[in-house]
Structures are given as structure tokens and as C-alpha cells.
């Protein structure tokens, strides 16, 4: 089994959306930060050296802002390609022409992740008018290019009612991976805002509705990522998840719900680190999940 060290790397703050839940823009921002090409090449070499010492392969989640807006975006992807680094991109849908997507694929991009935070009215209210339709078109383009498509939803009390229907939609679209993550407050005031946050029981009921939809689509080609660690407790209570106290191996909670194995989803132990534009780590994680 291959072992990867996953790194989520923010290379720029520049973005053509101003999402309400974004940690960069939601509370104001003194300046937009973008890493220089020299600094990025230095970080790449540091990542390779670090992973070699751990005897693991690097796997980079490139994000921002929207990474494609970085002036040296293609230079960085070329660097990944030369050094044989496996990577995916987490970005916006607006610059995903077929030509750009094919070029990303040729340079080694495995997967492109877009966001859908609800159905059209809800999603566009979070991001900007036209974003929902642009995302649906981008999903088709990504698929045509040969990259895998991931869709991520950030859930809060504001949009949780849309998510079950969204699960139906991503199944219809035939994406490769779908995940839901809880909204993280960007200020003390928002941390206590009852119009944003669900109570524990509301969230449990939300998980019930999602699980029903996952079971409805049990023959789907979609891999449903159980990103929230509360899935471990949820499935444990159902008698489905059995904790492994001897090491890694319990999949829910940073795991996956899959009813049939897709060729591109091979198991790999993956250790994680988040790197910001200043080059400093922000969080770590440890999980077993397909790459």
C-alpha cells in the first residue's frame, strides 16, 4: 500500500468570488498575498525533502483564492510535472476551458475540486450570480478532459436543507467524489450566531437525511467522502463502524462511503499538512482514504 503525505497549499489570495463563508474575505483583508515563483520552487523542494525523510510520496492539494489566477500557475504545474508530484486543484469554475483542463491533465493534475453550496438560488447567494451554472458547465469540461471531478459543500444552518437534493444532483452529474464539510466560523461573533450554526440534534437529523440519500445511490459511481469525523460516531451507533484501536484502518471520520471500487480510488495511507502563503503549516491530519 502506497503512503502519501498530503499537503493543502494556498498559493494566492486572489479570487473572482467573495464567498460569504470564506476565511480570507469574510472579515475583511488588509492585503492580498501571493507567493513568488522563487518561494514556491523553494517550498516544492522542501516538500520533496520532507517526504523523502518520511519515506512517503507528496500529494499536493493546490488552492487559494483561485490558484489559476496566480501569475506563475502554469510554471508551478510544470515544476510538479518535472518532479513527478501527484496533485489536485481546488478552485473556481470560471477559467476552466477545455484547453486549460487538458493542459492541467497533461501536467499531472489528477483531480479538480469545485464547490456547490446548495441548489442554484442558495449557491449563488453564497458566492455570486451565475456561479451555479458555471460550476455545472465546469464539471462537464473537467470530465471531458479526463481529470476526476470532486464536489465539496460547506454546510450550515443556512443551506443544510438543500444538501439532500444536491446529493441527487451530483449522482446525476456523475462526479467522482462528493464531500460535505461543516462551516467553520471566521469570527467570535459568528461562532455564536444561531442563525448559522445547527444544534447537535439538528446536525444529527441532517446526517440522517444525507445517509438516506447515500443509500438511495448505493449503486452510484460517486464516492461519498465522509469528511466529518462525526460520521465515525454516527455509523458506530448504527453498528456499521467498528473502531480499530491498533492503528489506522477505521474509515469513517476522514473516510469514504463506497459501494463499488472505482479503478482510480486505490487505498493509501495519507498524512496531511496545510501550508499557507507565508510557508507556515496551519493544521495536520491523519487518515486512510483513496487518493
Protein backbone atom coordinates (compact mmCIF):
# COMPACT_ATOMS: atom_id res chain seq x y z
CA UNK A 1 0.00 0.00 0.00
CA UNK A 2 1.41 3.39 -1.02
CA UNK A 3 1.85 6.01 1.66
CA UNK A 4 1.32 9.68 0.83
CA UNK A 5 1.78 12.86 2.78
CA UNK A 6 -0.98 15.24 1.71
CA UNK A 7 -0.34 18.98 1.72
CA UNK A 8 -3.03 21.60 1.15
CA UNK A 9 -1.13 24.57 -0.23
CA UNK A 10 -2.56 28.09 -0.52
CA UNK A 11 -0.52 29.96 -3.13
CA UNK A 12 -2.61 33.13 -3.55
CA UNK A 13 -5.48 35.14 -2.06
CA UNK A 14 -6.64 36.40 -5.46
CA UNK A 15 -10.12 35.15 -6.31
CA UNK A 16 -13.02 36.19 -8.54
CA UNK A 17 -15.63 35.28 -5.92
CA UNK A 18 -16.32 36.68 -2.47
CA UNK A 19 -17.98 33.75 -0.72
CA UNK A 20 -19.79 34.61 2.48
CA UNK A 21 -18.10 31.83 4.44
CA UNK A 22 -14.56 32.39 3.10
CA UNK A 23 -11.91 32.82 5.79
CA UNK A 24 -9.89 35.16 3.54
CA UNK A 25 -12.52 37.80 2.75
CA UNK A 26 -15.40 37.40 5.19
CA UNK A 27 -13.88 39.56 7.92
CA UNK A 28 -12.02 41.93 5.62
CA UNK A 29 -8.44 41.53 4.49
CA UNK A 30 -5.60 44.08 4.77
CA UNK A 31 -3.91 42.92 1.57
CA UNK A 32 -3.98 40.12 -0.97
CA UNK A 33 -0.96 37.86 -0.67
CA UNK A 34 0.59 35.85 -3.50
CA UNK A 35 3.70 33.69 -3.22
CA UNK A 36 6.57 34.44 -5.57
CA UNK A 37 7.74 31.79 -8.03
CA UNK A 38 11.08 31.63 -6.22
CA UNK A 39 9.35 30.93 -2.91
CA UNK A 40 7.09 28.30 -4.48
CA UNK A 41 10.02 26.41 -6.02
CA UNK A 42 11.73 26.51 -2.62
CA UNK A 43 8.62 25.07 -0.96
CA UNK A 44 8.39 22.30 -3.59
CA UNK A 45 11.97 21.25 -2.86
CA UNK A 46 11.27 21.38 0.89
CA UNK A 47 8.18 19.20 0.43
CA UNK A 48 10.15 16.61 -1.53
CA UNK A 49 12.96 16.56 1.03
CA UNK A 50 10.48 16.29 3.91
CA UNK A 51 8.55 13.43 2.28
CA UNK A 52 11.77 11.59 1.41
CA UNK A 53 12.77 11.67 5.06
CA UNK A 54 9.37 10.26 5.99
CA UNK A 55 9.61 7.66 3.21
CA UNK A 56 6.32 8.94 1.78
CA UNK A 57 5.21 10.40 -1.52
CA UNK A 58 3.95 14.00 -1.67
CA UNK A 59 0.34 14.66 -2.71
CA UNK A 60 -0.48 18.35 -3.09
CA UNK A 61 -3.91 19.99 -2.92
CA UNK A 62 -3.31 23.30 -4.66
CA UNK A 63 -5.69 26.09 -3.68
CA UNK A 64 -6.06 29.78 -2.84
CA UNK A 65 -8.00 32.01 -3.57
CA UNK A 66 -8.23 30.56 -7.03
CA UNK A 67 -4.81 29.11 -7.87
CA UNK A 68 -5.23 29.55 -11.63
CA UNK A 69 -5.16 33.35 -11.04
CA UNK A 70 -1.59 33.11 -9.76
CA UNK A 71 0.71 34.67 -12.41
CA UNK A 72 3.04 31.64 -12.21
CA UNK A 73 0.33 28.97 -12.02
CA UNK A 74 1.48 27.09 -15.13
CA UNK A 75 5.13 27.37 -14.10
CA UNK A 76 4.32 25.68 -10.80
CA UNK A 77 2.36 22.89 -12.51
CA UNK A 78 5.31 22.39 -14.85
CA UNK A 79 7.53 22.03 -11.80
CA UNK A 80 5.20 19.38 -10.34
CA UNK A 81 5.30 17.55 -13.67
CA UNK A 82 9.09 17.54 -13.92
CA UNK A 83 9.47 16.33 -10.34
CA UNK A 84 6.70 13.70 -10.65
CA UNK A 85 4.49 15.13 -7.89
CA UNK A 86 0.90 13.90 -7.70
CA UNK A 87 -1.53 16.82 -7.21
CA UNK A 88 -5.08 18.09 -7.49
CA UNK A 89 -6.52 21.58 -7.72
CA UNK A 90 -9.25 23.16 -5.59
CA UNK A 91 -10.56 26.24 -7.37
CA UNK A 92 -13.31 28.16 -9.13
CA UNK A 93 -15.14 27.17 -12.31
CA UNK A 94 -14.68 30.38 -14.31
CA UNK A 95 -11.43 29.73 -16.17
CA UNK A 96 -11.90 26.05 -16.93
CA UNK A 97 -11.85 25.94 -20.70
CA UNK A 98 -11.32 22.53 -22.22
CA UNK A 99 -7.87 23.66 -23.35
CA UNK A 100 -6.90 24.65 -19.80
CA UNK A 101 -8.27 21.44 -18.30
CA UNK A 102 -6.45 19.25 -20.82
CA UNK A 103 -3.25 21.14 -20.10
CA UNK A 104 -3.69 20.56 -16.35
CA UNK A 105 -4.24 16.85 -17.03
CA UNK A 106 -1.13 16.65 -19.23
CA UNK A 107 0.92 18.23 -16.45
CA UNK A 108 -0.26 15.59 -13.99
CA UNK A 109 -3.35 17.01 -12.28
CA UNK A 110 -5.34 14.05 -11.03
CA UNK A 111 -8.49 15.80 -9.85
CA UNK A 112 -10.16 19.21 -9.87
CA UNK A 113 -12.46 20.14 -6.97
CA UNK A 114 -15.27 22.68 -7.31
CA UNK A 115 -17.84 23.79 -4.75
CA UNK A 116 -21.63 23.60 -4.69
CA UNK A 117 -23.19 25.02 -1.54
CA UNK A 118 -26.78 24.25 -2.44
CA UNK A 119 -29.10 24.45 -5.39
CA UNK A 120 -28.91 27.44 -7.73
CA UNK A 121 -30.58 30.16 -5.65
CA UNK A 122 -28.79 29.19 -2.44
CA UNK A 123 -25.39 28.60 -4.03
CA UNK A 124 -25.39 31.90 -5.92
CA UNK A 125 -26.40 33.77 -2.76
CA UNK A 126 -23.25 32.39 -1.08
CA UNK A 127 -20.87 33.01 -3.97
CA UNK A 128 -22.12 35.22 -6.82
CA UNK A 129 -24.84 35.23 -9.51
CA UNK A 130 -24.11 32.74 -12.26
CA UNK A 131 -21.71 30.67 -10.18
CA UNK A 132 -24.01 27.64 -10.01
CA UNK A 133 -24.48 27.34 -13.78
CA UNK A 134 -20.78 27.98 -14.35
CA UNK A 135 -19.95 25.16 -11.95
CA UNK A 136 -22.25 22.68 -13.72
CA UNK A 137 -20.62 23.55 -17.04
CA UNK A 138 -17.16 23.24 -15.48
CA UNK A 139 -17.98 19.75 -14.20
CA UNK A 140 -18.72 18.63 -17.77
CA UNK A 141 -15.48 20.19 -19.02
CA UNK A 142 -13.36 18.59 -16.29
CA UNK A 143 -14.85 15.18 -17.05
CA UNK A 144 -14.20 15.64 -20.78
CA UNK A 145 -10.56 16.47 -20.10
CA UNK A 146 -10.01 13.16 -18.30
CA UNK A 147 -9.47 14.57 -14.81
CA UNK A 148 -11.58 13.33 -11.93
CA UNK A 149 -14.21 15.71 -10.56
CA UNK A 150 -14.75 16.36 -6.87
CA UNK A 151 -17.57 18.48 -5.46
CA UNK A 152 -17.42 19.98 -1.98
CA UNK A 153 -20.29 21.54 0.00
CA UNK A 154 -19.85 23.72 3.08
CA UNK A 155 -22.92 23.20 5.25
CA UNK A 156 -24.51 25.45 7.85
CA UNK A 157 -27.99 26.13 9.15
CA UNK A 158 -28.43 28.47 6.19
CA UNK A 159 -28.16 25.85 3.44
CA UNK A 160 -28.49 22.39 5.02
CA UNK A 161 -31.98 21.85 3.57
CA UNK A 162 -30.54 21.93 0.03
CA UNK A 163 -27.90 19.25 0.55
CA UNK A 164 -30.02 16.07 0.15
CA UNK A 165 -31.25 17.26 -3.27
CA UNK A 166 -27.68 18.25 -4.10
CA UNK A 167 -26.60 14.65 -3.42
CA UNK A 168 -29.14 13.57 -6.05
CA UNK A 169 -27.71 16.15 -8.44
CA UNK A 170 -24.06 15.08 -8.10
CA UNK A 171 -25.15 11.49 -8.72
CA UNK A 172 -26.93 12.63 -11.87
CA UNK A 173 -23.83 14.58 -12.95
CA UNK A 174 -21.62 11.54 -12.42
CA UNK A 175 -18.90 13.23 -10.37
CA UNK A 176 -16.15 11.09 -8.89
CA UNK A 177 -16.13 12.37 -5.29
CA UNK A 178 -18.64 14.28 -3.17
CA UNK A 179 -17.96 15.64 0.32
CA UNK A 180 -19.73 17.81 2.89
CA UNK A 181 -17.85 19.86 5.47
CA UNK A 182 -19.22 21.88 8.36
CA UNK A 183 -18.90 25.66 8.20
CA UNK A 184 -16.07 26.99 10.36
CA UNK A 185 -16.81 30.43 11.84
CA UNK A 186 -14.49 33.25 10.84
CA UNK A 187 -15.12 35.44 13.89
CA UNK A 188 -16.14 35.16 17.54
CA UNK A 189 -19.50 36.79 16.69
CA UNK A 190 -20.26 34.19 14.01
CA UNK A 191 -19.21 31.37 16.32
CA UNK A 192 -22.28 32.10 18.46
CA UNK A 193 -24.71 33.02 15.69
CA UNK A 194 -27.68 30.65 15.99
CA UNK A 195 -28.85 31.58 12.50
CA UNK A 196 -25.68 30.00 11.10
CA UNK A 197 -24.96 27.02 13.35
CA UNK A 198 -27.12 23.95 13.73
CA UNK A 199 -27.72 22.44 17.15
CA UNK A 200 -26.26 18.95 17.71
CA UNK A 201 -29.66 17.34 17.14
CA UNK A 202 -30.29 19.40 14.00
CA UNK A 203 -26.96 18.24 12.65
CA UNK A 204 -27.76 14.61 13.56
CA UNK A 205 -31.03 14.90 11.63
CA UNK A 206 -29.11 16.41 8.72
CA UNK A 207 -26.76 13.40 8.75
CA UNK A 208 -29.82 11.11 8.73
CA UNK A 209 -31.08 12.77 5.55
CA UNK A 210 -27.67 12.56 3.90
CA UNK A 211 -27.26 8.91 4.83
CA UNK A 212 -30.67 8.10 3.35
CA UNK A 213 -29.58 9.73 0.09
CA UNK A 214 -26.26 7.89 0.12
CA UNK A 215 -28.13 4.60 0.48
CA UNK A 216 -30.50 5.62 -2.30
CA UNK A 217 -27.48 5.97 -4.58
CA UNK A 218 -25.66 2.85 -3.37
CA UNK A 219 -25.05 1.74 -6.96
CA UNK A 220 -23.69 5.14 -7.94
CA UNK A 221 -20.25 5.72 -9.42
CA UNK A 222 -19.82 8.57 -6.90
CA UNK A 223 -17.54 8.07 -3.91
CA UNK A 224 -19.10 9.85 -0.93
CA UNK A 225 -16.34 11.14 1.32
CA UNK A 226 -17.27 11.02 4.99
CA UNK A 227 -15.20 14.11 5.72
CA UNK A 228 -16.75 14.99 9.07
CA UNK A 229 -15.35 12.93 11.94
CA UNK A 230 -18.84 12.76 13.44
CA UNK A 231 -19.58 10.11 10.80
CA UNK A 232 -17.50 7.71 12.89
CA UNK A 233 -19.89 8.16 15.82
CA UNK A 234 -22.95 8.12 13.54
CA UNK A 235 -22.03 4.80 11.91
CA UNK A 236 -20.83 3.36 15.22
CA UNK A 237 -24.28 3.99 16.68
CA UNK A 238 -25.77 2.15 13.68
CA UNK A 239 -23.46 -0.81 14.33
CA UNK A 240 -21.74 -0.30 10.96
CA UNK A 241 -18.40 1.18 12.01
CA UNK A 242 -16.04 -0.84 14.22
CA UNK A 243 -13.14 1.19 15.60
CA UNK A 244 -9.64 -0.16 15.06
CA UNK A 245 -7.62 0.63 18.17
CA UNK A 246 -4.45 -0.98 16.85
CA UNK A 247 -3.61 1.75 14.36
CA UNK A 248 -5.15 3.14 11.20
CA UNK A 249 -7.94 1.47 9.36
CA UNK A 250 -11.25 2.79 10.62
CA UNK A 251 -12.51 4.58 7.54
CA UNK A 252 -15.39 6.82 8.68
CA UNK A 253 -14.31 10.17 10.03
CA UNK A 254 -11.92 11.19 7.30
CA UNK A 255 -13.03 8.09 5.38
CA UNK A 256 -15.24 7.08 2.48
CA UNK A 257 -18.59 5.52 1.74
CA UNK A 258 -18.24 3.47 -1.41
CA UNK A 259 -20.43 0.72 -2.73
CA UNK A 260 -18.15 -0.36 -5.54
CA UNK A 261 -14.46 0.19 -6.04
CA UNK A 262 -13.55 2.58 -8.82
CA UNK A 263 -10.20 1.93 -10.55
CA UNK A 264 -8.85 5.37 -9.68
CA UNK A 265 -9.71 5.13 -5.98
CA UNK A 266 -6.93 2.96 -4.60
CA UNK A 267 -6.32 2.85 -0.83
CA UNK A 268 -3.38 4.76 0.50
CA UNK A 269 -2.38 5.93 3.94
CA UNK A 270 -2.25 9.70 3.84
CA UNK A 271 -0.81 12.10 6.36
CA UNK A 272 -1.68 15.75 5.97
CA UNK A 273 -0.46 19.27 6.42
CA UNK A 274 -1.90 22.64 5.43
CA UNK A 275 0.57 25.30 4.24
CA UNK A 276 -0.39 28.95 3.90
CA UNK A 277 1.08 31.62 1.60
CA UNK A 278 3.71 32.54 4.22
CA UNK A 279 5.02 28.99 4.16
CA UNK A 280 3.95 28.07 7.70
CA UNK A 281 1.83 24.97 8.48
CA UNK A 282 -1.66 25.51 9.88
CA UNK A 283 -3.09 22.06 10.60
CA UNK A 284 -2.34 18.36 10.37
CA UNK A 285 -4.48 15.29 9.86
CA UNK A 286 -4.07 11.55 9.64
CA UNK A 287 -6.38 9.32 7.66
CA UNK A 288 -6.72 6.33 5.39
CA UNK A 289 -8.57 7.17 2.23
CA UNK A 290 -8.39 6.67 -1.51
CA UNK A 291 -6.28 9.14 -3.45
